[in-house]
């Protein structure tokens, strides 16, 4: 059974890898208006007062969700790139797969989910612009006990790319510890 699960996980990662697209250039300046041709994708996170920042060297991967989840949504994930110091923290954004639907989304507050449960167990919590926090502190994956995700900007970059910027705050727990987490990001996602 473990071999079948490993093969399935490998197949999903291969499919996801084939579907990713690069967005932006090598410019480290964050686009905050004006020309969105140069965009730096980044994630900043503060965990209990310790601050981390990374620029994504790999593009966000986009893929369709299983049929149990709203089929008008895609998930774009940061493929869990390691921060300096090997911080195991990543984000995924569930978003409308259609360009016009995503651009028509409001810059507002959305929900935050964790990765302790699988996608089928959280299907009713996944909506447009849900942010998923993935944090493994060495004791296993942490769970989101509360949180908010504020989308601050949604801009068209090209015919199939949209730049999303936002902030988040959340409380994460494992079996023994609680973590106050906040952060901000700018990512480029693929749409139809």
C-alpha atoms as a PDB file:
ATOM      1  CA  UNK A   1       0.000   0.000   0.000  1.00  0.00           C
ATOM      2  CA  UNK A   2       2.886   2.386   0.798  1.00  0.00           C
ATOM      3  CA  UNK A   3       4.411   1.646  -2.599  1.00  0.00           C
ATOM      4  CA  UNK A   4       1.134   2.535  -4.362  1.00  0.00           C
ATOM      5  CA  UNK A   5       0.875   5.771  -2.315  1.00  0.00           C
ATOM      6  CA  UNK A   6       4.466   6.695  -3.192  1.00  0.00           C
ATOM      7  CA  UNK A   7       3.862   6.019  -6.877  1.00  0.00           C
ATOM      8  CA  UNK A   8       0.647   8.078  -6.807  1.00  0.00           C
ATOM      9  CA  UNK A   9       2.406  10.980  -5.050  1.00  0.00           C
ATOM     10  CA  UNK A  10       5.264  10.825  -7.567  1.00  0.00           C
ATOM     11  CA  UNK A  11       2.780  10.831 -10.484  1.00  0.00           C
ATOM     12  CA  UNK A  12       0.938  13.859  -9.061  1.00  0.00           C
ATOM     13  CA  UNK A  13       4.206  15.757  -8.627  1.00  0.00           C
ATOM     14  CA  UNK A  14       5.233  14.906 -12.205  1.00  0.00           C
ATOM     15  CA  UNK A  15       1.916  16.158 -13.566  1.00  0.00           C
ATOM     16  CA  UNK A  16       2.115  19.284 -11.423  1.00  0.00           C
ATOM     17  CA  UNK A  17       5.688  19.911 -12.561  1.00  0.00           C
ATOM     18  CA  UNK A  18       4.632  19.697 -16.196  1.00  0.00           C
ATOM     19  CA  UNK A  19       1.895  22.264 -15.605  1.00  0.00           C
ATOM     20  CA  UNK A  20       3.972  24.995 -13.963  1.00  0.00           C
ATOM     21  CA  UNK A  21       4.858  28.239 -15.703  1.00  0.00           C
ATOM     22  CA  UNK A  22       7.450  30.862 -14.945  1.00  0.00           C
ATOM     23  CA  UNK A  23       6.275  34.340 -14.119  1.00  0.00           C
ATOM     24  CA  UNK A  24       8.287  37.488 -13.923  1.00  0.00           C
ATOM     25  CA  UNK A  25      11.956  38.129 -14.334  1.00  0.00           C
ATOM     26  CA  UNK A  26      15.071  38.392 -12.255  1.00  0.00           C
ATOM     27  CA  UNK A  27      14.108  41.828 -10.939  1.00  0.00           C
ATOM     28  CA  UNK A  28      14.044  41.866  -7.135  1.00  0.00           C
ATOM     29  CA  UNK A  29      11.732  44.895  -6.973  1.00  0.00           C
ATOM     30  CA  UNK A  30       8.203  44.167  -5.895  1.00  0.00           C
ATOM     31  CA  UNK A  31       5.678  45.520  -8.346  1.00  0.00           C
ATOM     32  CA  UNK A  32       3.191  47.716  -6.531  1.00  0.00           C
ATOM     33  CA  UNK A  33       1.535  49.385  -9.469  1.00  0.00           C
ATOM     34  CA  UNK A  34       2.656  50.461 -12.919  1.00  0.00           C
ATOM     35  CA  UNK A  35       4.311  47.957 -15.208  1.00  0.00           C
ATOM     36  CA  UNK A  36       3.708  44.438 -13.968  1.00  0.00           C
ATOM     37  CA  UNK A  37       6.192  42.981 -16.458  1.00  0.00           C
ATOM     38  CA  UNK A  38       8.842  42.724 -13.766  1.00  0.00           C
ATOM     39  CA  UNK A  39       7.637  40.984 -10.649  1.00  0.00           C
ATOM     40  CA  UNK A  40       9.565  39.419  -7.819  1.00  0.00           C
ATOM     41  CA  UNK A  41       7.795  36.451  -6.274  1.00  0.00           C
ATOM     42  CA  UNK A  42       8.528  36.285  -2.576  1.00  0.00           C
ATOM     43  CA  UNK A  43       7.309  35.078   0.793  1.00  0.00           C
ATOM     44  CA  UNK A  44       8.071  36.782   4.098  1.00  0.00           C
ATOM     45  CA  UNK A  45       7.118  35.052   7.314  1.00  0.00           C
ATOM     46  CA  UNK A  46       7.477  35.874  11.004  1.00  0.00           C
ATOM     47  CA  UNK A  47       7.225  32.878  13.361  1.00  0.00           C
ATOM     48  CA  UNK A  48       7.176  33.900  17.023  1.00  0.00           C
ATOM     49  CA  UNK A  49       9.411  36.912  16.290  1.00  0.00           C
ATOM     50  CA  UNK A  50      11.869  35.141  13.962  1.00  0.00           C
ATOM     51  CA  UNK A  51      11.711  36.654  10.473  1.00  0.00           C
ATOM     52  CA  UNK A  52      12.423  34.827   7.222  1.00  0.00           C
ATOM     53  CA  UNK A  53      12.261  35.964   3.588  1.00  0.00           C
ATOM     54  CA  UNK A  54      12.725  34.093   0.361  1.00  0.00           C
ATOM     55  CA  UNK A  55      12.420  34.859  -3.315  1.00  0.00           C
ATOM     56  CA  UNK A  56      11.051  31.893  -5.189  1.00  0.00           C
ATOM     57  CA  UNK A  57      13.662  30.423  -7.521  1.00  0.00           C
ATOM     58  CA  UNK A  58      11.093  28.010  -8.964  1.00  0.00           C
ATOM     59  CA  UNK A  59       7.742  29.106 -10.391  1.00  0.00           C
ATOM     60  CA  UNK A  60       4.522  28.374  -8.579  1.00  0.00           C
ATOM     61  CA  UNK A  61       2.936  25.146  -9.836  1.00  0.00           C
ATOM     62  CA  UNK A  62      -0.729  25.206 -10.839  1.00  0.00           C
ATOM     63  CA  UNK A  63      -2.971  22.166 -11.071  1.00  0.00           C
ATOM     64  CA  UNK A  64      -6.600  21.165 -11.130  1.00  0.00           C
ATOM     65  CA  UNK A  65      -8.219  19.987  -7.928  1.00  0.00           C
ATOM     66  CA  UNK A  66      -9.870  16.597  -7.408  1.00  0.00           C
ATOM     67  CA  UNK A  67     -13.538  16.341  -8.362  1.00  0.00           C
ATOM     68  CA  UNK A  68     -14.613  16.474  -4.694  1.00  0.00           C
ATOM     69  CA  UNK A  69     -13.510  20.142  -4.622  1.00  0.00           C
ATOM     70  CA  UNK A  70     -15.026  23.045  -6.603  1.00  0.00           C
ATOM     71  CA  UNK A  71     -13.900  22.413 -10.217  1.00  0.00           C
ATOM     72  CA  UNK A  72     -13.771  26.155 -10.996  1.00  0.00           C
ATOM     73  CA  UNK A  73     -10.725  26.367  -8.700  1.00  0.00           C
ATOM     74  CA  UNK A  74      -7.062  25.553  -9.211  1.00  0.00           C
ATOM     75  CA  UNK A  75      -4.352  25.306  -6.590  1.00  0.00           C
ATOM     76  CA  UNK A  76      -1.011  27.044  -7.060  1.00  0.00           C
ATOM     77  CA  UNK A  77       1.732  25.920  -4.710  1.00  0.00           C
ATOM     78  CA  UNK A  78       5.215  27.119  -3.843  1.00  0.00           C
ATOM     79  CA  UNK A  79       6.599  23.560  -4.047  1.00  0.00           C
ATOM     80  CA  UNK A  80       7.942  23.900  -0.500  1.00  0.00           C
ATOM     81  CA  UNK A  81      11.254  25.559  -1.292  1.00  0.00           C
ATOM     82  CA  UNK A  82      13.453  25.699   1.796  1.00  0.00           C
ATOM     83  CA  UNK A  83      14.238  29.058   3.366  1.00  0.00           C
ATOM     84  CA  UNK A  84      17.771  29.815   4.534  1.00  0.00           C
ATOM     85  CA  UNK A  85      18.256  27.795   7.694  1.00  0.00           C
ATOM     86  CA  UNK A  86      16.058  25.006   6.287  1.00  0.00           C
ATOM     87  CA  UNK A  87      12.760  26.461   7.533  1.00  0.00           C
ATOM     88  CA  UNK A  88      10.114  24.070   6.181  1.00  0.00           C
ATOM     89  CA  UNK A  89       7.336  26.576   5.419  1.00  0.00           C
ATOM     90  CA  UNK A  90       5.308  27.009   2.235  1.00  0.00           C
ATOM     91  CA  UNK A  91       2.025  28.404   0.967  1.00  0.00           C
ATOM     92  CA  UNK A  92      -0.569  27.348  -1.564  1.00  0.00           C
ATOM     93  CA  UNK A  93      -3.357  29.539  -2.959  1.00  0.00           C
ATOM     94  CA  UNK A  94      -6.642  28.137  -4.190  1.00  0.00           C
ATOM     95  CA  UNK A  95      -7.958  30.444  -6.900  1.00  0.00           C
ATOM     96  CA  UNK A  96     -10.405  30.697  -9.768  1.00  0.00           C
ATOM     97  CA  UNK A  97      -8.998  29.000 -12.845  1.00  0.00           C
ATOM     98  CA  UNK A  98     -10.660  31.529 -15.192  1.00  0.00           C
ATOM     99  CA  UNK A  99      -8.812  34.840 -15.790  1.00  0.00           C
ATOM    100  CA  UNK A 100     -11.926  37.062 -15.658  1.00  0.00           C
ATOM    101  CA  UNK A 101     -13.302  35.317 -12.573  1.00  0.00           C
ATOM    102  CA  UNK A 102     -10.004  35.706 -10.711  1.00  0.00           C
ATOM    103  CA  UNK A 103      -9.542  39.349 -11.761  1.00  0.00           C
ATOM    104  CA  UNK A 104     -13.138  40.000 -10.648  1.00  0.00           C
ATOM    105  CA  UNK A 105     -12.348  38.771  -7.137  1.00  0.00           C
ATOM    106  CA  UNK A 106     -12.261  41.469  -4.490  1.00  0.00           C
ATOM    107  CA  UNK A 107      -9.246  42.493  -2.462  1.00  0.00           C
ATOM    108  CA  UNK A 108     -10.720  41.296   0.796  1.00  0.00           C
ATOM    109  CA  UNK A 109     -10.213  38.877   3.679  1.00  0.00           C
ATOM    110  CA  UNK A 110     -10.311  35.133   3.003  1.00  0.00           C
ATOM    111  CA  UNK A 111      -9.817  31.969   5.031  1.00  0.00           C
ATOM    112  CA  UNK A 112      -6.637  30.108   5.972  1.00  0.00           C
ATOM    113  CA  UNK A 113      -6.309  26.333   6.193  1.00  0.00           C
ATOM    114  CA  UNK A 114      -3.480  24.014   7.243  1.00  0.00           C
ATOM    115  CA  UNK A 115      -2.070  20.826   5.769  1.00  0.00           C
ATOM    116  CA  UNK A 116      -2.530  18.389   8.648  1.00  0.00           C
ATOM    117  CA  UNK A 117      -5.734  17.105   7.007  1.00  0.00           C
ATOM    118  CA  UNK A 118      -5.834  15.977   3.393  1.00  0.00           C
ATOM    119  CA  UNK A 119      -7.632  17.943   0.701  1.00  0.00           C
ATOM    120  CA  UNK A 120     -10.738  15.740   0.801  1.00  0.00           C
ATOM    121  CA  UNK A 121     -11.165  16.334   4.543  1.00  0.00           C
ATOM    122  CA  UNK A 122     -10.990  20.098   3.948  1.00  0.00           C
ATOM    123  CA  UNK A 123     -13.022  20.334   0.733  1.00  0.00           C
ATOM    124  CA  UNK A 124     -15.799  22.402   2.366  1.00  0.00           C
ATOM    125  CA  UNK A 125     -13.182  24.937   3.600  1.00  0.00           C
ATOM    126  CA  UNK A 126     -11.614  25.516   0.176  1.00  0.00           C
ATOM    127  CA  UNK A 127     -12.928  28.525  -1.733  1.00  0.00           C
ATOM    128  CA  UNK A 128     -11.543  31.154  -4.075  1.00  0.00           C
ATOM    129  CA  UNK A 129      -8.422  32.764  -2.549  1.00  0.00           C
ATOM    130  CA  UNK A 130      -8.153  30.364   0.371  1.00  0.00           C
ATOM    131  CA  UNK A 131      -4.557  30.345   1.595  1.00  0.00           C
ATOM    132  CA  UNK A 132      -3.043  27.073   2.754  1.00  0.00           C
ATOM    133  CA  UNK A 133      -0.151  27.235   5.226  1.00  0.00           C
ATOM    134  CA  UNK A 134       2.281  24.323   5.205  1.00  0.00           C
ATOM    135  CA  UNK A 135       4.645  24.304   8.191  1.00  0.00           C
ATOM    136  CA  UNK A 136       6.608  21.341   9.460  1.00  0.00           C
ATOM    137  CA  UNK A 137       8.520  22.199  12.626  1.00  0.00           C
ATOM    138  CA  UNK A 138      10.293  18.847  12.930  1.00  0.00           C
ATOM    139  CA  UNK A 139       7.502  17.323  15.019  1.00  0.00           C
ATOM    140  CA  UNK A 140       5.267  16.935  11.978  1.00  0.00           C
ATOM    141  CA  UNK A 141       2.884  19.250  10.189  1.00  0.00           C
ATOM    142  CA  UNK A 142       1.307  22.031  12.236  1.00  0.00           C
ATOM    143  CA  UNK A 143      -2.424  22.742  12.150  1.00  0.00           C
ATOM    144  CA  UNK A 144      -4.067  26.128  11.652  1.00  0.00           C
ATOM    145  CA  UNK A 145      -6.284  26.901  14.648  1.00  0.00           C
ATOM    146  CA  UNK A 146      -7.271  30.400  13.457  1.00  0.00           C
ATOM    147  CA  UNK A 147      -6.170  32.849  10.822  1.00  0.00           C
ATOM    148  CA  UNK A 148      -6.970  35.473   8.225  1.00  0.00           C
ATOM    149  CA  UNK A 149      -5.707  35.977   4.704  1.00  0.00           C
ATOM    150  CA  UNK A 150      -5.957  39.506   3.261  1.00  0.00           C
ATOM    151  CA  UNK A 151      -5.564  39.761  -0.514  1.00  0.00           C
ATOM    152  CA  UNK A 152      -4.200  43.248  -1.212  1.00  0.00           C
ATOM    153  CA  UNK A 153      -3.743  43.123  -4.993  1.00  0.00           C
ATOM    154  CA  UNK A 154      -4.866  41.043  -7.984  1.00  0.00           C
ATOM    155  CA  UNK A 155      -3.344  42.157 -11.313  1.00  0.00           C
ATOM    156  CA  UNK A 156      -3.185  40.694 -14.800  1.00  0.00           C
ATOM    157  CA  UNK A 157       0.362  40.033 -15.965  1.00  0.00           C
ATOM    158  CA  UNK A 158      -0.221  38.265 -19.272  1.00  0.00           C
ATOM    159  CA  UNK A 159      -2.914  36.269 -21.096  1.00  0.00           C
ATOM    160  CA  UNK A 160      -2.542  33.382 -18.654  1.00  0.00           C
ATOM    161  CA  UNK A 161      -0.818  34.859 -15.582  1.00  0.00           C
ATOM    162  CA  UNK A 162      -2.101  36.864 -12.625  1.00  0.00           C
ATOM    163  CA  UNK A 163      -0.046  38.436  -9.848  1.00  0.00           C
ATOM    164  CA  UNK A 164      -1.576  38.052  -6.373  1.00  0.00           C
ATOM    165  CA  UNK A 165      -0.250  39.890  -3.306  1.00  0.00           C
ATOM    166  CA  UNK A 166      -1.427  39.560   0.252  1.00  0.00           C
ATOM    167  CA  UNK A 167      -0.797  39.265   3.962  1.00  0.00           C
ATOM    168  CA  UNK A 168      -1.731  36.636   6.516  1.00  0.00           C
ATOM    169  CA  UNK A 169      -1.822  36.013  10.255  1.00  0.00           C
ATOM    170  CA  UNK A 170      -2.434  32.649  11.820  1.00  0.00           C
ATOM    171  CA  UNK A 171      -2.036  30.597  14.957  1.00  0.00           C
ATOM    172  CA  UNK A 172      -0.421  27.200  14.335  1.00  0.00           C
ATOM    173  CA  UNK A 173      -0.234  24.276  16.729  1.00  0.00           C
ATOM    174  CA  UNK A 174       1.398  20.886  16.918  1.00  0.00           C
ATOM    175  CA  UNK A 175       1.005  18.393  19.753  1.00  0.00           C
ATOM    176  CA  UNK A 176       3.194  20.443  22.117  1.00  0.00           C
ATOM    177  CA  UNK A 177       3.596  24.016  20.849  1.00  0.00           C
ATOM    178  CA  UNK A 178       1.694  27.041  19.569  1.00  0.00           C
ATOM    179  CA  UNK A 179       3.174  29.470  17.026  1.00  0.00           C
ATOM    180  CA  UNK A 180       2.083  33.025  16.167  1.00  0.00           C
ATOM    181  CA  UNK A 181       2.721  33.413  12.451  1.00  0.00           C
ATOM    182  CA  UNK A 182       2.312  36.397  10.156  1.00  0.00           C
ATOM    183  CA  UNK A 183       3.603  37.182   6.715  1.00  0.00           C
ATOM    184  CA  UNK A 184       3.193  38.635   3.280  1.00  0.00           C
ATOM    185  CA  UNK A 185       3.722  37.356  -0.233  1.00  0.00           C
ATOM    186  CA  UNK A 186       3.606  38.158  -3.919  1.00  0.00           C
ATOM    187  CA  UNK A 187       3.129  35.293  -6.356  1.00  0.00           C
ATOM    188  CA  UNK A 188       2.254  34.775  -9.978  1.00  0.00           C
ATOM    189  CA  UNK A 189      -0.382  32.135 -10.762  1.00  0.00           C
ATOM    190  CA  UNK A 190      -1.494  30.541 -14.022  1.00  0.00           C
ATOM    191  CA  UNK A 191      -5.118  30.755 -15.226  1.00  0.00           C
ATOM    192  CA  UNK A 192      -7.162  29.829 -18.306  1.00  0.00           C
END
